[in-house]
Amino acid sequence: MNKRLTYPQAIQAAATLLASEKVSARAVDDDKQAELVSDLFALADRIYHASIGFSTDEELGF
């Protein structure tokens, strides 16, 4: 990754990636919404850690 991101930027990047899956939070039940939020923050953590050089993540291409 070329740029160090702030954590809010990492959350935004994760949300963009998850949104590309065309999942509508309004169309799912509460359990699925909780799962989506969990996925969002897990992905944001991975993006943030890769951006600060803490780890690499080949799956995301970092």
PDB file of N, CA and C in Angstrom:
ATOM      1  N   MET A   1       0.853  -1.166   0.000  1.00  0.00           N
ATOM      2  CA  MET A   1       0.000   0.000   0.000  1.00  0.00           C
ATOM      3  C   MET A   1       0.898   1.227   0.000  1.00  0.00           C
ATOM      4  N   ASN A   2       0.547   2.190  -0.787  1.00  0.00           N
ATOM      5  CA  ASN A   2       1.369   3.375  -0.953  1.00  0.00           C
ATOM      6  C   ASN A   2       1.156   4.426   0.115  1.00  0.00           C
ATOM      7  N   LYS A   3       0.011   4.453   0.744  1.00  0.00           N
ATOM      8  CA  LYS A   3      -0.352   5.552   1.606  1.00  0.00           C
ATOM      9  C   LYS A   3      -0.773   5.040   2.972  1.00  0.00           C
ATOM     10  N   ARG A   4      -0.308   5.720   4.004  1.00  0.00           N
ATOM     11  CA  ARG A   4      -0.756   5.395   5.349  1.00  0.00           C
ATOM     12  C   ARG A   4      -2.151   5.984   5.536  1.00  0.00           C
ATOM     13  N   LEU A   5      -3.082   5.164   5.966  1.00  0.00           N
ATOM     14  CA  LEU A   5      -4.456   5.604   6.150  1.00  0.00           C
ATOM     15  C   LEU A   5      -4.755   5.847   7.618  1.00  0.00           C
ATOM     16  N   THR A   6      -5.685   6.749   7.877  1.00  0.00           N
ATOM     17  CA  THR A   6      -6.223   6.867   9.226  1.00  0.00           C
ATOM     18  C   THR A   6      -7.236   5.742   9.396  1.00  0.00           C
ATOM     19  N   TYR A   7      -7.599   5.442  10.631  1.00  0.00           N
ATOM     20  CA  TYR A   7      -8.569   4.367  10.837  1.00  0.00           C
ATOM     21  C   TYR A   7      -9.922   4.692  10.205  1.00  0.00           C
ATOM     22  N   PRO A   8     -10.415   5.939  10.305  1.00  0.00           N
ATOM     23  CA  PRO A   8     -11.672   6.243   9.599  1.00  0.00           C
ATOM     24  C   PRO A   8     -11.581   6.026   8.086  1.00  0.00           C
ATOM     25  N   GLN A   9     -10.440   6.303   7.498  1.00  0.00           N
ATOM     26  CA  GLN A   9     -10.263   6.046   6.065  1.00  0.00           C
ATOM     27  C   GLN A   9     -10.290   4.548   5.786  1.00  0.00           C
ATOM     28  N   ALA A  10      -9.728   3.764   6.694  1.00  0.00           N
ATOM     29  CA  ALA A  10      -9.748   2.309   6.533  1.00  0.00           C
ATOM     30  C   ALA A  10     -11.178   1.782   6.621  1.00  0.00           C
ATOM     31  N   ILE A  11     -11.979   2.360   7.514  1.00  0.00           N
ATOM     32  CA  ILE A  11     -13.384   1.958   7.621  1.00  0.00           C
ATOM     33  C   ILE A  11     -14.118   2.299   6.329  1.00  0.00           C
ATOM     34  N   GLN A  12     -13.851   3.480   5.789  1.00  0.00           N
ATOM     35  CA  GLN A  12     -14.490   3.878   4.536  1.00  0.00           C
ATOM     36  C   GLN A  12     -14.091   2.937   3.396  1.00  0.00           C
ATOM     37  N   ALA A  13     -12.825   2.568   3.341  1.00  0.00           N
ATOM     38  CA  ALA A  13     -12.371   1.644   2.300  1.00  0.00           C
ATOM     39  C   ALA A  13     -13.045   0.284   2.455  1.00  0.00           C
ATOM     40  N   ALA A  14     -13.149  -0.190   3.693  1.00  0.00           N
ATOM     41  CA  ALA A  14     -13.802  -1.473   3.940  1.00  0.00           C
ATOM     42  C   ALA A  14     -15.275  -1.417   3.552  1.00  0.00           C
ATOM     43  N   ALA A  15     -15.937  -0.320   3.889  1.00  0.00           N
ATOM     44  CA  ALA A  15     -17.353  -0.174   3.539  1.00  0.00           C
ATOM     45  C   ALA A  15     -17.535  -0.184   2.023  1.00  0.00           C
ATOM     46  N   THR A  16     -16.624   0.458   1.327  1.00  0.00           N
ATOM     47  CA  THR A  16     -16.693   0.479  -0.135  1.00  0.00           C
ATOM     48  C   THR A  16     -16.530  -0.923  -0.704  1.00  0.00           C
ATOM     49  N   LEU A  17     -15.572  -1.671  -0.165  1.00  0.00           N
ATOM     50  CA  LEU A  17     -15.361  -3.038  -0.644  1.00  0.00           C
ATOM     51  C   LEU A  17     -16.570  -3.926  -0.359  1.00  0.00           C
ATOM     52  N   LEU A  18     -17.132  -3.799   0.839  1.00  0.00           N
ATOM     53  CA  LEU A  18     -18.296  -4.615   1.176  1.00  0.00           C
ATOM     54  C   LEU A  18     -19.518  -4.199   0.360  1.00  0.00           C
ATOM     55  N   ALA A  19     -19.656  -2.912   0.092  1.00  0.00           N
ATOM     56  CA  ALA A  19     -20.795  -2.434  -0.700  1.00  0.00           C
ATOM     57  C   ALA A  19     -20.723  -2.944  -2.132  1.00  0.00           C
ATOM     58  N   SER A  20     -19.523  -3.205  -2.593  1.00  0.00           N
ATOM     59  CA  SER A  20     -19.385  -3.710  -3.958  1.00  0.00           C
ATOM     60  C   SER A  20     -19.994  -5.101  -4.108  1.00  0.00           C
ATOM     61  N   GLU A  21     -20.264  -5.746  -2.981  1.00  0.00           N
ATOM     62  CA  GLU A  21     -20.919  -7.058  -3.006  1.00  0.00           C
ATOM     63  C   GLU A  21     -22.428  -6.920  -3.179  1.00  0.00           C
ATOM     64  N   LYS A  22     -22.913  -5.692  -3.268  1.00  0.00           N
ATOM     65  CA  LYS A  22     -24.337  -5.415  -3.507  1.00  0.00           C
ATOM     66  C   LYS A  22     -25.226  -5.962  -2.392  1.00  0.00           C
ATOM     67  N   VAL A  23     -24.779  -5.845  -1.146  1.00  0.00           N
ATOM     68  CA  VAL A  23     -25.564  -6.294  -0.006  1.00  0.00           C
ATOM     69  C   VAL A  23     -26.291  -5.089   0.576  1.00  0.00           C
ATOM     70  N   SER A  24     -27.604  -5.165   0.635  1.00  0.00           N
ATOM     71  CA  SER A  24     -28.397  -4.083   1.212  1.00  0.00           C
ATOM     72  C   SER A  24     -28.684  -4.403   2.670  1.00  0.00           C
ATOM     73  N   ALA A  25     -28.185  -3.566   3.574  1.00  0.00           N
ATOM     74  CA  ALA A  25     -28.400  -3.791   5.000  1.00  0.00           C
ATOM     75  C   ALA A  25     -29.883  -3.723   5.353  1.00  0.00           C
ATOM     76  N   ARG A  26     -30.659  -2.968   4.606  1.00  0.00           N
ATOM     77  CA  ARG A  26     -32.096  -2.848   4.885  1.00  0.00           C
ATOM     78  C   ARG A  26     -32.846  -4.133   4.560  1.00  0.00           C
ATOM     79  N   ALA A  27     -32.299  -4.918   3.681  1.00  0.00           N
ATOM     80  CA  ALA A  27     -33.003  -6.115   3.226  1.00  0.00           C
ATOM     81  C   ALA A  27     -32.671  -7.355   4.051  1.00  0.00           C
ATOM     82  N   VAL A  28     -31.872  -7.197   5.094  1.00  0.00           N
ATOM     83  CA  VAL A  28     -31.474  -8.358   5.889  1.00  0.00           C
ATOM     84  C   VAL A  28     -31.930  -8.191   7.331  1.00  0.00           C
ATOM     85  N   ASP A  29     -31.995  -9.311   8.042  1.00  0.00           N
ATOM     86  CA  ASP A  29     -32.440  -9.269   9.430  1.00  0.00           C
ATOM     87  C   ASP A  29     -31.336  -8.750  10.346  1.00  0.00           C
ATOM     88  N   ASP A  30     -31.665  -8.585  11.631  1.00  0.00           N
ATOM     89  CA  ASP A  30     -30.730  -8.008  12.593  1.00  0.00           C
ATOM     90  C   ASP A  30     -29.453  -8.828  12.740  1.00  0.00           C
ATOM     91  N   ASP A  31     -29.576 -10.160  12.711  1.00  0.00           N
ATOM     92  CA  ASP A  31     -28.384 -11.000  12.833  1.00  0.00           C
ATOM     93  C   ASP A  31     -27.436 -10.778  11.661  1.00  0.00           C
ATOM     94  N   LYS A  32     -27.988 -10.655  10.474  1.00  0.00           N
ATOM     95  CA  LYS A  32     -27.159 -10.425   9.285  1.00  0.00           C
ATOM     96  C   LYS A  32     -26.533  -9.033   9.337  1.00  0.00           C
ATOM     97  N   GLN A  33     -27.284  -8.034   9.844  1.00  0.00           N
ATOM     98  CA  GLN A  33     -26.723  -6.693   9.973  1.00  0.00           C
ATOM     99  C   GLN A  33     -25.541  -6.702  10.932  1.00  0.00           C
ATOM    100  N   ALA A  34     -25.662  -7.419  12.036  1.00  0.00           N
ATOM    101  CA  ALA A  34     -24.565  -7.514  12.991  1.00  0.00           C
ATOM    102  C   ALA A  34     -23.352  -8.176  12.349  1.00  0.00           C
ATOM    103  N   GLU A  35     -23.604  -9.180  11.529  1.00  0.00           N
ATOM    104  CA  GLU A  35     -22.514  -9.855  10.816  1.00  0.00           C
ATOM    105  C   GLU A  35     -21.827  -8.902   9.833  1.00  0.00           C
ATOM    106  N   LEU A  36     -22.616  -8.082   9.135  1.00  0.00           N
ATOM    107  CA  LEU A  36     -22.040  -7.115   8.197  1.00  0.00           C
ATOM    108  C   LEU A  36     -21.174  -6.091   8.917  1.00  0.00           C
ATOM    109  N   VAL A  37     -21.633  -5.619  10.079  1.00  0.00           N
ATOM    110  CA  VAL A  37     -20.851  -4.653  10.856  1.00  0.00           C
ATOM    111  C   VAL A  37     -19.557  -5.299  11.336  1.00  0.00           C
ATOM    112  N   SER A  38     -19.650  -6.538  11.779  1.00  0.00           N
ATOM    113  CA  SER A  38     -18.457  -7.260  12.211  1.00  0.00           C
ATOM    114  C   SER A  38     -17.473  -7.418  11.055  1.00  0.00           C
ATOM    115  N   ASP A  39     -17.985  -7.789   9.887  1.00  0.00           N
ATOM    116  CA  ASP A  39     -17.137  -7.919   8.699  1.00  0.00           C
ATOM    117  C   ASP A  39     -16.498  -6.586   8.334  1.00  0.00           C
ATOM    118  N   LEU A  40     -17.268  -5.504   8.456  1.00  0.00           N
ATOM    119  CA  LEU A  40     -16.765  -4.171   8.134  1.00  0.00           C
ATOM    120  C   LEU A  40     -15.550  -3.835   8.985  1.00  0.00           C
ATOM    121  N   PHE A  41     -15.664  -4.012  10.304  1.00  0.00           N
ATOM    122  CA  PHE A  41     -14.556  -3.652  11.175  1.00  0.00           C
ATOM    123  C   PHE A  41     -13.381  -4.621  11.064  1.00  0.00           C
ATOM    124  N   ALA A  42     -13.650  -5.888  10.807  1.00  0.00           N
ATOM    125  CA  ALA A  42     -12.552  -6.838  10.596  1.00  0.00           C
ATOM    126  C   ALA A  42     -11.760  -6.462   9.351  1.00  0.00           C
ATOM    127  N   LEU A  43     -12.466  -6.114   8.284  1.00  0.00           N
ATOM    128  CA  LEU A  43     -11.797  -5.707   7.053  1.00  0.00           C
ATOM    129  C   LEU A  43     -11.081  -4.378   7.241  1.00  0.00           C
ATOM    130  N   ALA A  44     -11.699  -3.446   7.966  1.00  0.00           N
ATOM    131  CA  ALA A  44     -11.060  -2.155   8.244  1.00  0.00           C
ATOM    132  C   ALA A  44      -9.763  -2.358   9.025  1.00  0.00           C
ATOM    133  N   ASP A  45      -9.769  -3.264   9.991  1.00  0.00           N
ATOM    134  CA  ASP A  45      -8.546  -3.562  10.744  1.00  0.00           C
ATOM    135  C   ASP A  45      -7.446  -4.063   9.818  1.00  0.00           C
ATOM    136  N   ARG A  46      -7.802  -4.971   8.910  1.00  0.00           N
ATOM    137  CA  ARG A  46      -6.803  -5.514   7.979  1.00  0.00           C
ATOM    138  C   ARG A  46      -6.240  -4.420   7.083  1.00  0.00           C
ATOM    139  N   ILE A  47      -7.125  -3.559   6.568  1.00  0.00           N
ATOM    140  CA  ILE A  47      -6.682  -2.475   5.689  1.00  0.00           C
ATOM    141  C   ILE A  47      -5.783  -1.513   6.453  1.00  0.00           C
ATOM    142  N   TYR A  48      -6.195  -1.137   7.653  1.00  0.00           N
ATOM    143  CA  TYR A  48      -5.414  -0.193   8.458  1.00  0.00           C
ATOM    144  C   TYR A  48      -4.038  -0.766   8.792  1.00  0.00           C
ATOM    145  N   HIS A  49      -3.993  -2.007   9.256  1.00  0.00           N
ATOM    146  CA  HIS A  49      -2.706  -2.612   9.620  1.00  0.00           C
ATOM    147  C   HIS A  49      -1.779  -2.723   8.414  1.00  0.00           C
ATOM    148  N   ALA A  50      -2.339  -3.033   7.264  1.00  0.00           N
ATOM    149  CA  ALA A  50      -1.510  -3.092   6.058  1.00  0.00           C
ATOM    150  C   ALA A  50      -1.009  -1.707   5.679  1.00  0.00           C
ATOM    151  N   SER A  51      -1.845  -0.680   5.860  1.00  0.00           N
ATOM    152  CA  SER A  51      -1.453   0.672   5.447  1.00  0.00           C
ATOM    153  C   SER A  51      -0.352   1.256   6.317  1.00  0.00           C
ATOM    154  N   ILE A  52      -0.285   0.822   7.573  1.00  0.00           N
ATOM    155  CA  ILE A  52       0.767   1.347   8.446  1.00  0.00           C
ATOM    156  C   ILE A  52       1.997   0.446   8.461  1.00  0.00           C
ATOM    157  N   GLY A  53       1.959  -0.588   7.640  1.00  0.00           N
ATOM    158  CA  GLY A  53       3.113  -1.470   7.523  1.00  0.00           C
ATOM    159  C   GLY A  53       3.197  -2.519   8.609  1.00  0.00           C
ATOM    160  N   PHE A  54       2.132  -2.682   9.386  1.00  0.00           N
ATOM    161  CA  PHE A  54       2.126  -3.655  10.470  1.00  0.00           C
ATOM    162  C   PHE A  54       2.049  -5.075   9.945  1.00  0.00           C
ATOM    163  N   SER A  55       1.358  -5.248   8.826  1.00  0.00           N
ATOM    164  CA  SER A  55       1.237  -6.577   8.235  1.00  0.00           C
ATOM    165  C   SER A  55       0.985  -6.432   6.749  1.00  0.00           C
ATOM    166  N   THR A  56       1.090  -7.545   6.064  1.00  0.00           N
ATOM    167  CA  THR A  56       0.716  -7.562   4.650  1.00  0.00           C
ATOM    168  C   THR A  56      -0.463  -8.496   4.497  1.00  0.00           C
ATOM    169  N   ASP A  57      -1.248  -8.257   3.516  1.00  0.00           N
ATOM    170  CA  ASP A  57      -2.425  -9.077   3.289  1.00  0.00           C
ATOM    171  C   ASP A  57      -2.539  -9.328   1.797  1.00  0.00           C
ATOM    172  N   GLU A  58      -2.083 -10.485   1.370  1.00  0.00           N
ATOM    173  CA  GLU A  58      -2.075 -10.803  -0.058  1.00  0.00           C
ATOM    174  C   GLU A  58      -3.483 -10.877  -0.637  1.00  0.00           C
ATOM    175  N   GLU A  59      -4.458 -11.274   0.171  1.00  0.00           N
ATOM    176  CA  GLU A  59      -5.828 -11.382  -0.325  1.00  0.00           C
ATOM    177  C   GLU A  59      -6.355 -10.022  -0.787  1.00  0.00           C
ATOM    178  N   LEU A  60      -5.972  -8.959  -0.086  1.00  0.00           N
ATOM    179  CA  LEU A  60      -6.403  -7.613  -0.470  1.00  0.00           C
ATOM    180  C   LEU A  60      -5.442  -6.970  -1.458  1.00  0.00           C
ATOM    181  N   GLY A  61      -4.323  -7.606  -1.690  1.00  0.00           N
ATOM    182  CA  GLY A  61      -3.361  -7.071  -2.642  1.00  0.00           C
ATOM    183  C   GLY A  61      -2.425  -6.034  -2.061  1.00  0.00           C
ATOM    184  N   PHE A  62      -2.217  -6.081  -0.752  1.00  0.00           N
ATOM    185  CA  PHE A  62      -1.327  -5.097  -0.124  1.00  0.00           C
ATOM    186  C   PHE A  62       0.070  -5.670   0.017  1.00  0.00           C
TER     187      PHE A  62
END
